[in-house]
Amino acid sequence: MPRPNFMAVTEFTFEGFSICEWHHRLILFVVFLVLYLLTLASNAIILTVIRLNHQLHTPMYFFLSVLSISETYYTVAINPQMLSGLLSPQQTISIPGCAAQLFFYLTFGVYKCFLLTAMGYDRYVAICNPLQYSVIMGKKACIQLVSGSWNIGLSTAIIQVSSVFSLPFCDANLISHFFCDIRPIMKLACADTTIKEFITLLISLCVLVLPMVLIFISYVLIVTTILKIASAEGRRKAFATCASHLTVVIVHYGCTSFICLKPKSQNSVQDRLISVTYTVITPLLNPVVYSLRKKEVKDALLRALGRKPLS
């Protein structure tokens, strides 16, 4: 008796936004394309300005440039596929291609979580131990923090992708999403996914809770130190140096926590619309909130354009 072919499925098909009318998809395509191009442009501007301006060669802006690179690769892994799917619904992707997309999506997503933690530590040292800041946050320490964040993202992605794609896929191949994400893929498996779902939940909790706890501790110590500053102006300036990072952290972990920890939903269209927030909108908000609002970056940008910096 021949063995059943548990790998009969050789490619997946994205359902994407195919249930929407053509004119609605066209509107979404234009909107998402503009947002995607703005994201790429804003991150490119930030990287160029930081690279060309020696005054911005500090640990804070080093982490910021790394964050911009991460956001760029993150959006490149997802958005072109989504934009193409809006014009050509029912697009297919090979199983190795799907695994690769999931790998890059997870790597840069987890990497960002721990990179934000490193940036929180940088703010803690700057405010709570300013006299030792240049010693503690030297070039070697910054590279180690970035490398550590990258290794965690890489390891997490390898574990998750290996876990998901060790499942057999027999008949169903329609992914109820616009890119390869863990839950929509596991729904297609023709095997019990209980253990795999538990592994995914456990990893999601670790990736979310550990960085959040570390960032929370950093900010408890930061706030305690700031409140000890005698002058109101000094306290305001100290808080201002953390405001952008804290805003990005709230937006990032708010979206990520909701997506990763929310119960299973039967409304796949709603899930797709929610996913747009962290694949299209959030990567654009981060450079705007964290960089383009900072006086140093705006002044450097104005100097690059040959205009007088802000007073």
C-alpha atoms as a PDB file:
ATOM      1  CA  MET A   1       0.000   0.000   0.000  1.00  0.00           C
ATOM      2  CA  PRO A   2       1.597   3.333  -1.035  1.00  0.00           C
ATOM      3  CA  ARG A   3       2.298   5.933   1.606  1.00  0.00           C
ATOM      4  CA  PRO A   4      -0.033   8.942   1.508  1.00  0.00           C
ATOM      5  CA  ASN A   5       1.573  12.088   0.132  1.00  0.00           C
ATOM      6  CA  PHE A   6       1.449  14.516   3.016  1.00  0.00           C
ATOM      7  CA  MET A   7       3.199  17.220   0.984  1.00  0.00           C
ATOM      8  CA  ALA A   8       0.718  17.271  -1.881  1.00  0.00           C
ATOM      9  CA  VAL A   9       0.508  21.054  -1.520  1.00  0.00           C
ATOM     10  CA  THR A  10       3.510  22.684  -3.189  1.00  0.00           C
ATOM     11  CA  GLU A  11       2.291  26.275  -3.117  1.00  0.00           C
ATOM     12  CA  PHE A  12      -0.121  28.494  -1.240  1.00  0.00           C
ATOM     13  CA  THR A  13      -2.596  31.050  -2.563  1.00  0.00           C
ATOM     14  CA  PHE A  14      -3.227  34.356  -0.783  1.00  0.00           C
ATOM     15  CA  GLU A  15      -6.837  35.311  -0.381  1.00  0.00           C
ATOM     16  CA  GLY A  16      -5.674  38.834   0.457  1.00  0.00           C
ATOM     17  CA  PHE A  17      -8.323  41.460  -0.253  1.00  0.00           C
ATOM     18  CA  SER A  18      -9.823  39.525  -3.163  1.00  0.00           C
ATOM     19  CA  ILE A  19     -13.283  39.691  -1.580  1.00  0.00           C
ATOM     20  CA  CYS A  20     -13.244  43.466  -2.043  1.00  0.00           C
ATOM     21  CA  GLU A  21     -14.550  45.108  -5.190  1.00  0.00           C
ATOM     22  CA  TRP A  22     -11.991  46.126  -7.820  1.00  0.00           C
ATOM     23  CA  HIS A  23     -12.394  49.871  -7.207  1.00  0.00           C
ATOM     24  CA  HIS A  24     -11.940  49.352  -3.466  1.00  0.00           C
ATOM     25  CA  ARG A  25      -8.774  47.355  -4.071  1.00  0.00           C
ATOM     26  CA  LEU A  26      -7.506  50.084  -6.381  1.00  0.00           C
ATOM     27  CA  ILE A  27      -8.058  52.729  -3.699  1.00  0.00           C
ATOM     28  CA  LEU A  28      -6.297  50.554  -1.125  1.00  0.00           C
ATOM     29  CA  PHE A  29      -3.429  50.003  -3.562  1.00  0.00           C
ATOM     30  CA  VAL A  30      -2.894  53.741  -4.040  1.00  0.00           C
ATOM     31  CA  VAL A  31      -3.131  54.460  -0.288  1.00  0.00           C
ATOM     32  CA  PHE A  32      -0.813  51.616   0.734  1.00  0.00           C
ATOM     33  CA  LEU A  33       1.655  52.415  -2.051  1.00  0.00           C
ATOM     34  CA  VAL A  34       1.899  56.038  -0.906  1.00  0.00           C
ATOM     35  CA  LEU A  35       2.388  54.958   2.708  1.00  0.00           C
ATOM     36  CA  TYR A  36       4.998  52.385   1.663  1.00  0.00           C
ATOM     37  CA  LEU A  37       6.963  54.926  -0.384  1.00  0.00           C
ATOM     38  CA  LEU A  38       6.756  57.456   2.452  1.00  0.00           C
ATOM     39  CA  THR A  39       8.095  54.829   4.856  1.00  0.00           C
ATOM     40  CA  LEU A  40      11.031  54.025   2.596  1.00  0.00           C
ATOM     41  CA  ALA A  41      11.729  57.715   1.947  1.00  0.00           C
ATOM     42  CA  SER A  42      11.547  58.791   5.605  1.00  0.00           C
ATOM     43  CA  ASN A  43      13.849  55.991   6.737  1.00  0.00           C
ATOM     44  CA  ALA A  44      16.277  56.759   3.897  1.00  0.00           C
ATOM     45  CA  ILE A  45      16.300  60.438   4.907  1.00  0.00           C
ATOM     46  CA  ILE A  46      16.981  59.566   8.540  1.00  0.00           C
ATOM     47  CA  LEU A  47      19.840  57.227   7.628  1.00  0.00           C
ATOM     48  CA  THR A  48      21.389  59.788   5.278  1.00  0.00           C
ATOM     49  CA  VAL A  49      21.119  62.669   7.753  1.00  0.00           C
ATOM     50  CA  ILE A  50      22.620  60.626  10.594  1.00  0.00           C
ATOM     51  CA  ARG A  51      25.392  59.339   8.340  1.00  0.00           C
ATOM     52  CA  LEU A  52      26.389  62.773   7.047  1.00  0.00           C
ATOM     53  CA  ASN A  53      26.115  64.730  10.308  1.00  0.00           C
ATOM     54  CA  HIS A  54      28.904  63.950  12.779  1.00  0.00           C
ATOM     55  CA  GLN A  55      26.988  65.618  15.607  1.00  0.00           C
ATOM     56  CA  LEU A  56      24.485  62.774  15.364  1.00  0.00           C
ATOM     57  CA  HIS A  57      27.121  60.047  15.721  1.00  0.00           C
ATOM     58  CA  THR A  58      25.959  59.207  19.234  1.00  0.00           C
ATOM     59  CA  PRO A  59      24.602  55.953  20.708  1.00  0.00           C
ATOM     60  CA  MET A  60      21.001  57.206  20.579  1.00  0.00           C
ATOM     61  CA  TYR A  61      21.190  57.980  16.865  1.00  0.00           C
ATOM     62  CA  PHE A  62      23.169  54.809  16.189  1.00  0.00           C
ATOM     63  CA  PHE A  63      20.243  52.817  17.587  1.00  0.00           C
ATOM     64  CA  LEU A  64      17.860  55.000  15.624  1.00  0.00           C
ATOM     65  CA  SER A  65      19.680  54.310  12.357  1.00  0.00           C
ATOM     66  CA  VAL A  66      19.587  50.573  13.089  1.00  0.00           C
ATOM     67  CA  LEU A  67      15.856  50.864  13.810  1.00  0.00           C
ATOM     68  CA  SER A  68      15.349  52.588  10.450  1.00  0.00           C
ATOM     69  CA  ILE A  69      17.209  49.808   8.638  1.00  0.00           C
ATOM     70  CA  SER A  70      15.130  47.211  10.469  1.00  0.00           C
ATOM     71  CA  GLU A  71      11.872  48.955   9.571  1.00  0.00           C
ATOM     72  CA  THR A  72      12.914  49.159   5.931  1.00  0.00           C
ATOM     73  CA  TYR A  73      13.632  45.432   5.632  1.00  0.00           C
ATOM     74  CA  TYR A  74      10.474  44.627   7.616  1.00  0.00           C
ATOM     75  CA  THR A  75       8.254  46.515   5.179  1.00  0.00           C
ATOM     76  CA  VAL A  76      10.118  45.171   2.124  1.00  0.00           C
ATOM     77  CA  ALA A  77       9.389  41.623   3.334  1.00  0.00           C
ATOM     78  CA  ILE A  78       5.620  42.237   3.448  1.00  0.00           C
ATOM     79  CA  ASN A  79       4.379  45.248   1.508  1.00  0.00           C
ATOM     80  CA  PRO A  80       5.402  44.449  -2.101  1.00  0.00           C
ATOM     81  CA  GLN A  81       3.539  41.133  -1.853  1.00  0.00           C
ATOM     82  CA  MET A  82       0.476  42.893  -0.461  1.00  0.00           C
ATOM     83  CA  LEU A  83       0.526  45.616  -3.131  1.00  0.00           C
ATOM     84  CA  SER A  84       0.873  43.056  -5.888  1.00  0.00           C
ATOM     85  CA  GLY A  85      -2.015  41.073  -4.426  1.00  0.00           C
ATOM     86  CA  LEU A  86      -4.302  44.103  -4.526  1.00  0.00           C
ATOM     87  CA  LEU A  87      -3.863  44.298  -8.309  1.00  0.00           C
ATOM     88  CA  SER A  88      -3.760  40.536  -8.910  1.00  0.00           C
ATOM     89  CA  PRO A  89      -5.875  38.686  -6.360  1.00  0.00           C
ATOM     90  CA  GLN A  90      -5.443  34.964  -5.704  1.00  0.00           C
ATOM     91  CA  GLN A  91      -1.652  35.220  -5.943  1.00  0.00           C
ATOM     92  CA  THR A  92       0.388  32.112  -5.278  1.00  0.00           C
ATOM     93  CA  ILE A  93       3.632  31.581  -3.395  1.00  0.00           C
ATOM     94  CA  SER A  94       5.763  28.459  -3.116  1.00  0.00           C
ATOM     95  CA  ILE A  95       6.152  26.796   0.254  1.00  0.00           C
ATOM     96  CA  PRO A  96       9.878  27.725   0.441  1.00  0.00           C
ATOM     97  CA  GLY A  97       8.952  31.301  -0.545  1.00  0.00           C
ATOM     98  CA  CYS A  98       6.301  31.414   2.161  1.00  0.00           C
ATOM     99  CA  ALA A  99       8.780  30.071   4.718  1.00  0.00           C
ATOM    100  CA  ALA A 100      11.290  32.743   3.680  1.00  0.00           C
ATOM    101  CA  GLN A 101       8.728  35.540   4.021  1.00  0.00           C
ATOM    102  CA  LEU A 102       7.658  34.299   7.462  1.00  0.00           C
ATOM    103  CA  PHE A 103      11.316  34.021   8.466  1.00  0.00           C
ATOM    104  CA  PHE A 104      12.131  37.644   7.588  1.00  0.00           C
ATOM    105  CA  TYR A 105       8.861  38.900   9.056  1.00  0.00           C
ATOM    106  CA  LEU A 106       9.555  37.215  12.405  1.00  0.00           C
ATOM    107  CA  THR A 107      13.265  38.027  12.461  1.00  0.00           C
ATOM    108  CA  PHE A 108      12.796  41.778  12.049  1.00  0.00           C
ATOM    109  CA  GLY A 109       9.651  41.864  14.193  1.00  0.00           C
ATOM    110  CA  VAL A 110      11.334  40.221  17.195  1.00  0.00           C
ATOM    111  CA  TYR A 111      14.556  42.132  16.509  1.00  0.00           C
ATOM    112  CA  LYS A 112      12.648  45.387  16.846  1.00  0.00           C
ATOM    113  CA  CYS A 113      11.191  44.343  20.225  1.00  0.00           C
ATOM    114  CA  PHE A 114      14.634  43.853  21.728  1.00  0.00           C
ATOM    115  CA  LEU A 115      16.148  46.808  19.879  1.00  0.00           C
ATOM    116  CA  LEU A 116      13.570  49.056  21.553  1.00  0.00           C
ATOM    117  CA  THR A 117      14.657  47.512  24.854  1.00  0.00           C
ATOM    118  CA  ALA A 118      18.275  48.437  24.092  1.00  0.00           C
ATOM    119  CA  MET A 119      17.157  51.969  23.259  1.00  0.00           C
ATOM    120  CA  GLY A 120      15.337  52.125  26.612  1.00  0.00           C
ATOM    121  CA  TYR A 121      18.538  51.078  28.364  1.00  0.00           C
ATOM    122  CA  ASP A 122      20.386  53.823  26.475  1.00  0.00           C
ATOM    123  CA  ARG A 123      17.903  56.415  27.803  1.00  0.00           C
ATOM    124  CA  TYR A 124      18.268  54.972  31.320  1.00  0.00           C
ATOM    125  CA  VAL A 125      22.055  55.365  31.269  1.00  0.00           C
ATOM    126  CA  ALA A 126      21.830  58.857  29.747  1.00  0.00           C
ATOM    127  CA  ILE A 127      19.495  60.137  32.478  1.00  0.00           C
ATOM    128  CA  CYS A 128      20.415  58.066  35.521  1.00  0.00           C
ATOM    129  CA  ASN A 129      24.183  57.909  35.011  1.00  0.00           C
ATOM    130  CA  PRO A 130      25.099  60.804  32.694  1.00  0.00           C
ATOM    131  CA  LEU A 131      28.694  61.166  33.896  1.00  0.00           C
ATOM    132  CA  GLN A 132      29.480  57.574  32.881  1.00  0.00           C
ATOM    133  CA  TYR A 133      27.322  57.602  29.746  1.00  0.00           C
ATOM    134  CA  SER A 134      30.161  57.753  27.201  1.00  0.00           C
ATOM    135  CA  VAL A 135      31.993  54.962  29.021  1.00  0.00           C
ATOM    136  CA  ILE A 136      29.039  52.618  29.516  1.00  0.00           C
ATOM    137  CA  MET A 137      27.505  53.221  26.084  1.00  0.00           C
ATOM    138  CA  GLY A 138      30.700  52.916  24.104  1.00  0.00           C
ATOM    139  CA  LYS A 139      30.878  51.600  20.566  1.00  0.00           C
ATOM    140  CA  LYS A 140      31.475  48.023  21.714  1.00  0.00           C
ATOM    141  CA  ALA A 141      28.487  48.051  24.066  1.00  0.00           C
ATOM    142  CA  CYS A 142      26.183  49.459  21.361  1.00  0.00           C
ATOM    143  CA  ILE A 143      27.278  46.800  18.858  1.00  0.00           C
ATOM    144  CA  GLN A 144      26.789  44.066  21.468  1.00  0.00           C
ATOM    145  CA  LEU A 145      23.250  45.263  22.238  1.00  0.00           C
ATOM    146  CA  VAL A 146      22.343  45.374  18.546  1.00  0.00           C
ATOM    147  CA  SER A 147      23.970  41.991  17.865  1.00  0.00           C
ATOM    148  CA  GLY A 148      22.210  40.432  20.846  1.00  0.00           C
ATOM    149  CA  SER A 149      18.850  41.743  19.647  1.00  0.00           C
ATOM    150  CA  TRP A 150      19.546  40.411  16.152  1.00  0.00           C
ATOM    151  CA  ASN A 151      20.542  36.961  17.444  1.00  0.00           C
ATOM    152  CA  ILE A 152      17.349  36.700  19.486  1.00  0.00           C
ATOM    153  CA  GLY A 153      15.257  37.660  16.449  1.00  0.00           C
ATOM    154  CA  LEU A 154      17.112  35.202  14.240  1.00  0.00           C
ATOM    155  CA  SER A 155      16.837  32.334  16.735  1.00  0.00           C
ATOM    156  CA  THR A 156      13.136  32.962  17.320  1.00  0.00           C
ATOM    157  CA  ALA A 157      12.413  32.997  13.588  1.00  0.00           C
ATOM    158  CA  ILE A 158      14.323  29.742  13.009  1.00  0.00           C
ATOM    159  CA  ILE A 159      12.407  27.981  15.797  1.00  0.00           C
ATOM    160  CA  GLN A 160       9.027  29.269  14.649  1.00  0.00           C
ATOM    161  CA  VAL A 161       9.514  28.618  10.938  1.00  0.00           C
ATOM    162  CA  SER A 162      10.874  25.128  11.618  1.00  0.00           C
ATOM    163  CA  SER A 163       7.903  24.402  13.867  1.00  0.00           C
ATOM    164  CA  VAL A 164       5.268  25.627  11.401  1.00  0.00           C
ATOM    165  CA  PHE A 165       6.716  24.084   8.243  1.00  0.00           C
ATOM    166  CA  SER A 166       7.284  20.691   9.840  1.00  0.00           C
ATOM    167  CA  LEU A 167       3.491  20.317   9.595  1.00  0.00           C
ATOM    168  CA  PRO A 168       2.002  18.389   6.659  1.00  0.00           C
ATOM    169  CA  PHE A 169      -0.123  20.322   4.125  1.00  0.00           C
ATOM    170  CA  CYS A 170      -2.436  18.040   2.171  1.00  0.00           C
ATOM    171  CA  ASP A 171      -5.310  19.716   0.352  1.00  0.00           C
ATOM    172  CA  ALA A 172      -6.165  23.206   1.581  1.00  0.00           C
ATOM    173  CA  ASN A 173      -3.812  25.899   0.294  1.00  0.00           C
ATOM    174  CA  LEU A 174      -5.761  29.176   0.524  1.00  0.00           C
ATOM    175  CA  ILE A 175      -4.135  31.497   3.098  1.00  0.00           C
ATOM    176  CA  SER A 176      -6.738  33.820   4.582  1.00  0.00           C
ATOM    177  CA  HIS A 177      -4.294  36.697   4.712  1.00  0.00           C
ATOM    178  CA  PHE A 178      -2.179  38.935   2.481  1.00  0.00           C
ATOM    179  CA  PHE A 179       1.160  37.492   3.620  1.00  0.00           C
ATOM    180  CA  CYS A 180       2.534  34.361   5.271  1.00  0.00           C
ATOM    181  CA  ASP A 181       1.730  34.613   8.967  1.00  0.00           C
ATOM    182  CA  ILE A 182       1.827  31.824  11.528  1.00  0.00           C
ATOM    183  CA  ARG A 183      -1.854  31.352  12.376  1.00  0.00           C
ATOM    184  CA  PRO A 184      -3.252  31.426   8.819  1.00  0.00           C
ATOM    185  CA  ILE A 185      -0.621  28.890   7.729  1.00  0.00           C
ATOM    186  CA  MET A 186      -1.263  26.503  10.635  1.00  0.00           C
ATOM    187  CA  LYS A 187      -4.975  26.528   9.795  1.00  0.00           C
ATOM    188  CA  LEU A 188      -4.103  24.774   6.532  1.00  0.00           C
ATOM    189  CA  ALA A 189      -2.205  21.907   8.156  1.00  0.00           C
ATOM    190  CA  CYS A 190      -3.777  18.455   7.990  1.00  0.00           C
ATOM    191  CA  ALA A 191      -2.520  17.496  11.450  1.00  0.00           C
ATOM    192  CA  ASP A 192      -3.118  18.422  15.068  1.00  0.00           C
ATOM    193  CA  THR A 193      -1.549  21.837  15.696  1.00  0.00           C
ATOM    194  CA  THR A 194      -2.192  22.060  19.460  1.00  0.00           C
ATOM    195  CA  ILE A 195       1.463  21.660  20.427  1.00  0.00           C
ATOM    196  CA  LYS A 196       2.594  24.039  17.688  1.00  0.00           C
ATOM    197  CA  GLU A 197       0.083  26.655  18.818  1.00  0.00           C
ATOM    198  CA  PHE A 198       1.297  26.294  22.396  1.00  0.00           C
ATOM    199  CA  ILE A 199       4.903  26.803  21.251  1.00  0.00           C
ATOM    200  CA  THR A 200       3.842  29.902  19.319  1.00  0.00           C
ATOM    201  CA  LEU A 201       1.971  31.302  22.322  1.00  0.00           C
ATOM    202  CA  LEU A 202       4.903  30.615  24.644  1.00  0.00           C
ATOM    203  CA  ILE A 203       7.393  32.302  22.311  1.00  0.00           C
ATOM    204  CA  SER A 204       5.029  35.254  21.795  1.00  0.00           C
ATOM    205  CA  LEU A 205       4.714  35.736  25.551  1.00  0.00           C
ATOM    206  CA  CYS A 206       8.495  35.630  26.014  1.00  0.00           C
ATOM    207  CA  VAL A 207       9.113  38.046  23.142  1.00  0.00           C
ATOM    208  CA  LEU A 208       6.514  40.467  24.485  1.00  0.00           C
ATOM    209  CA  VAL A 209       6.818  40.172  28.260  1.00  0.00           C
ATOM    210  CA  LEU A 210      10.620  40.129  28.699  1.00  0.00           C
ATOM    211  CA  PRO A 211      11.308  43.347  26.714  1.00  0.00           C
ATOM    212  CA  MET A 212       8.272  45.064  28.246  1.00  0.00           C
ATOM    213  CA  VAL A 213       9.444  44.223  31.782  1.00  0.00           C
ATOM    214  CA  LEU A 214      12.969  45.483  31.041  1.00  0.00           C
ATOM    215  CA  ILE A 215      11.629  48.700  29.483  1.00  0.00           C
ATOM    216  CA  PHE A 216       9.257  49.173  32.415  1.00  0.00           C
ATOM    217  CA  ILE A 217      12.125  48.812  34.912  1.00  0.00           C
ATOM    218  CA  SER A 218      14.208  51.298  32.908  1.00  0.00           C
ATOM    219  CA  TYR A 219      11.420  53.862  32.981  1.00  0.00           C
ATOM    220  CA  VAL A 220      10.708  53.383  36.679  1.00  0.00           C
ATOM    221  CA  LEU A 221      14.347  54.241  37.350  1.00  0.00           C
ATOM    222  CA  ILE A 222      14.250  57.095  34.810  1.00  0.00           C
ATOM    223  CA  VAL A 223      11.136  58.673  36.319  1.00  0.00           C
ATOM    224  CA  THR A 224      12.534  58.290  39.837  1.00  0.00           C
ATOM    225  CA  THR A 225      15.717  60.111  38.761  1.00  0.00           C
ATOM    226  CA  ILE A 226      13.854  62.849  36.882  1.00  0.00           C
ATOM    227  CA  LEU A 227      11.613  63.606  39.837  1.00  0.00           C
ATOM    228  CA  LYS A 228      14.729  64.327  41.879  1.00  0.00           C
ATOM    229  CA  ILE A 229      15.796  67.109  39.501  1.00  0.00           C
ATOM    230  CA  ALA A 230      15.271  70.427  41.237  1.00  0.00           C
ATOM    231  CA  SER A 231      14.302  72.692  38.327  1.00  0.00           C
ATOM    232  CA  ALA A 232      11.087  72.289  36.348  1.00  0.00           C
ATOM    233  CA  GLU A 233      12.967  73.088  33.138  1.00  0.00           C
ATOM    234  CA  GLY A 234      15.487  70.342  33.867  1.00  0.00           C
ATOM    235  CA  ARG A 235      12.687  67.839  34.450  1.00  0.00           C
ATOM    236  CA  ARG A 236      10.956  68.908  31.235  1.00  0.00           C
ATOM    237  CA  LYS A 237      14.115  68.454  29.157  1.00  0.00           C
ATOM    238  CA  ALA A 238      14.803  65.067  30.717  1.00  0.00           C
ATOM    239  CA  PHE A 239      11.267  63.877  29.985  1.00  0.00           C
ATOM    240  CA  ALA A 240      11.539  65.230  26.430  1.00  0.00           C
ATOM    241  CA  THR A 241      14.533  62.988  25.675  1.00  0.00           C
ATOM    242  CA  CYS A 242      12.378  59.934  26.461  1.00  0.00           C
ATOM    243  CA  ALA A 243       9.043  61.006  24.966  1.00  0.00           C
ATOM    244  CA  SER A 244       9.694  59.768  21.418  1.00  0.00           C
ATOM    245  CA  HIS A 245      11.020  56.385  22.530  1.00  0.00           C
ATOM    246  CA  LEU A 246       8.123  55.885  24.911  1.00  0.00           C
ATOM    247  CA  THR A 247       5.612  56.781  22.191  1.00  0.00           C
ATOM    248  CA  VAL A 248       7.120  54.237  19.785  1.00  0.00           C
ATOM    249  CA  VAL A 249       7.170  51.582  22.519  1.00  0.00           C
ATOM    250  CA  ILE A 250       3.487  52.125  23.330  1.00  0.00           C
ATOM    251  CA  VAL A 251       2.445  51.992  19.659  1.00  0.00           C
ATOM    252  CA  HIS A 252       4.601  48.953  18.881  1.00  0.00           C
ATOM    253  CA  TYR A 253       3.709  46.847  21.903  1.00  0.00           C
ATOM    254  CA  GLY A 254       0.068  47.902  21.780  1.00  0.00           C
ATOM    255  CA  CYS A 255      -0.303  46.576  18.223  1.00  0.00           C
ATOM    256  CA  THR A 256       1.922  43.532  18.738  1.00  0.00           C
ATOM    257  CA  SER A 257       0.232  42.470  21.977  1.00  0.00           C
ATOM    258  CA  PHE A 258      -3.208  42.738  20.423  1.00  0.00           C
ATOM    259  CA  ILE A 259      -2.221  40.702  17.364  1.00  0.00           C
ATOM    260  CA  CYS A 260      -0.239  37.990  19.156  1.00  0.00           C
ATOM    261  CA  LEU A 261      -2.386  37.483  22.234  1.00  0.00           C
ATOM    262  CA  LYS A 262      -5.918  38.055  20.959  1.00  0.00           C
ATOM    263  CA  PRO A 263      -8.203  34.995  20.803  1.00  0.00           C
ATOM    264  CA  LYS A 264      -8.752  33.171  17.551  1.00  0.00           C
ATOM    265  CA  SER A 265     -11.072  35.098  15.268  1.00  0.00           C
ATOM    266  CA  GLN A 266     -13.413  33.840  12.569  1.00  0.00           C
ATOM    267  CA  ASN A 267     -13.366  37.274  10.963  1.00  0.00           C
ATOM    268  CA  SER A 268     -10.312  36.978   8.730  1.00  0.00           C
ATOM    269  CA  VAL A 269     -11.059  40.288   7.000  1.00  0.00           C
ATOM    270  CA  GLN A 270     -10.902  42.063  10.356  1.00  0.00           C
ATOM    271  CA  ASP A 271      -7.596  40.324  11.105  1.00  0.00           C
ATOM    272  CA  ARG A 272      -6.187  41.526   7.796  1.00  0.00           C
ATOM    273  CA  LEU A 273      -7.234  45.107   8.421  1.00  0.00           C
ATOM    274  CA  ILE A 274      -5.681  44.987  11.893  1.00  0.00           C
ATOM    275  CA  SER A 275      -2.482  43.590  10.381  1.00  0.00           C
ATOM    276  CA  VAL A 276      -2.263  46.660   8.152  1.00  0.00           C
ATOM    277  CA  THR A 277      -1.561  48.773  11.258  1.00  0.00           C
ATOM    278  CA  TYR A 278       1.735  47.047  12.049  1.00  0.00           C
ATOM    279  CA  THR A 279       2.825  46.244   8.490  1.00  0.00           C
ATOM    280  CA  VAL A 280       2.012  49.579   6.835  1.00  0.00           C
ATOM    281  CA  ILE A 281       1.133  52.312   9.339  1.00  0.00           C
ATOM    282  CA  THR A 282       3.417  51.650  12.324  1.00  0.00           C
ATOM    283  CA  PRO A 283       6.656  51.502  10.273  1.00  0.00           C
ATOM    284  CA  LEU A 284       5.789  54.967   8.932  1.00  0.00           C
ATOM    285  CA  LEU A 285       4.905  56.422  12.344  1.00  0.00           C
ATOM    286  CA  ASN A 286       8.157  55.308  13.949  1.00  0.00           C
ATOM    287  CA  PRO A 287      10.597  57.483  11.953  1.00  0.00           C
ATOM    288  CA  VAL A 288       8.222  60.433  12.111  1.00  0.00           C
ATOM    289  CA  VAL A 289       7.670  60.201  15.865  1.00  0.00           C
ATOM    290  CA  TYR A 290      11.193  59.222  16.816  1.00  0.00           C
ATOM    291  CA  SER A 291      13.261  61.295  14.413  1.00  0.00           C
ATOM    292  CA  LEU A 292      11.573  63.964  12.396  1.00  0.00           C
ATOM    293  CA  ARG A 293      10.213  65.531  15.591  1.00  0.00           C
ATOM    294  CA  LYS A 294      13.698  65.810  17.109  1.00  0.00           C
ATOM    295  CA  LYS A 295      15.318  69.217  16.784  1.00  0.00           C
ATOM    296  CA  GLU A 296      18.783  67.781  16.084  1.00  0.00           C
ATOM    297  CA  VAL A 297      17.497  65.772  13.111  1.00  0.00           C
ATOM    298  CA  LYS A 298      15.434  68.648  11.744  1.00  0.00           C
ATOM    299  CA  ASP A 299      18.378  71.039  12.057  1.00  0.00           C
ATOM    300  CA  ALA A 300      20.694  68.580  10.313  1.00  0.00           C
ATOM    301  CA  LEU A 301      18.132  68.094   7.544  1.00  0.00           C
ATOM    302  CA  LEU A 302      17.757  71.856   7.074  1.00  0.00           C
ATOM    303  CA  ARG A 303      21.547  72.266   6.882  1.00  0.00           C
ATOM    304  CA  ALA A 304      21.680  69.510   4.254  1.00  0.00           C
ATOM    305  CA  LEU A 305      19.112  71.477   2.235  1.00  0.00           C
ATOM    306  CA  GLY A 306      21.157  74.649   2.615  1.00  0.00           C
ATOM    307  CA  ARG A 307      18.699  76.329   4.946  1.00  0.00           C
ATOM    308  CA  LYS A 308      19.196  77.912   8.348  1.00  0.00           C
ATOM    309  CA  PRO A 309      18.598  75.575  11.315  1.00  0.00           C
ATOM    310  CA  LEU A 310      15.722  76.266  13.671  1.00  0.00           C
ATOM    311  CA  SER A 311      16.501  78.630  16.498  1.00  0.00           C
END
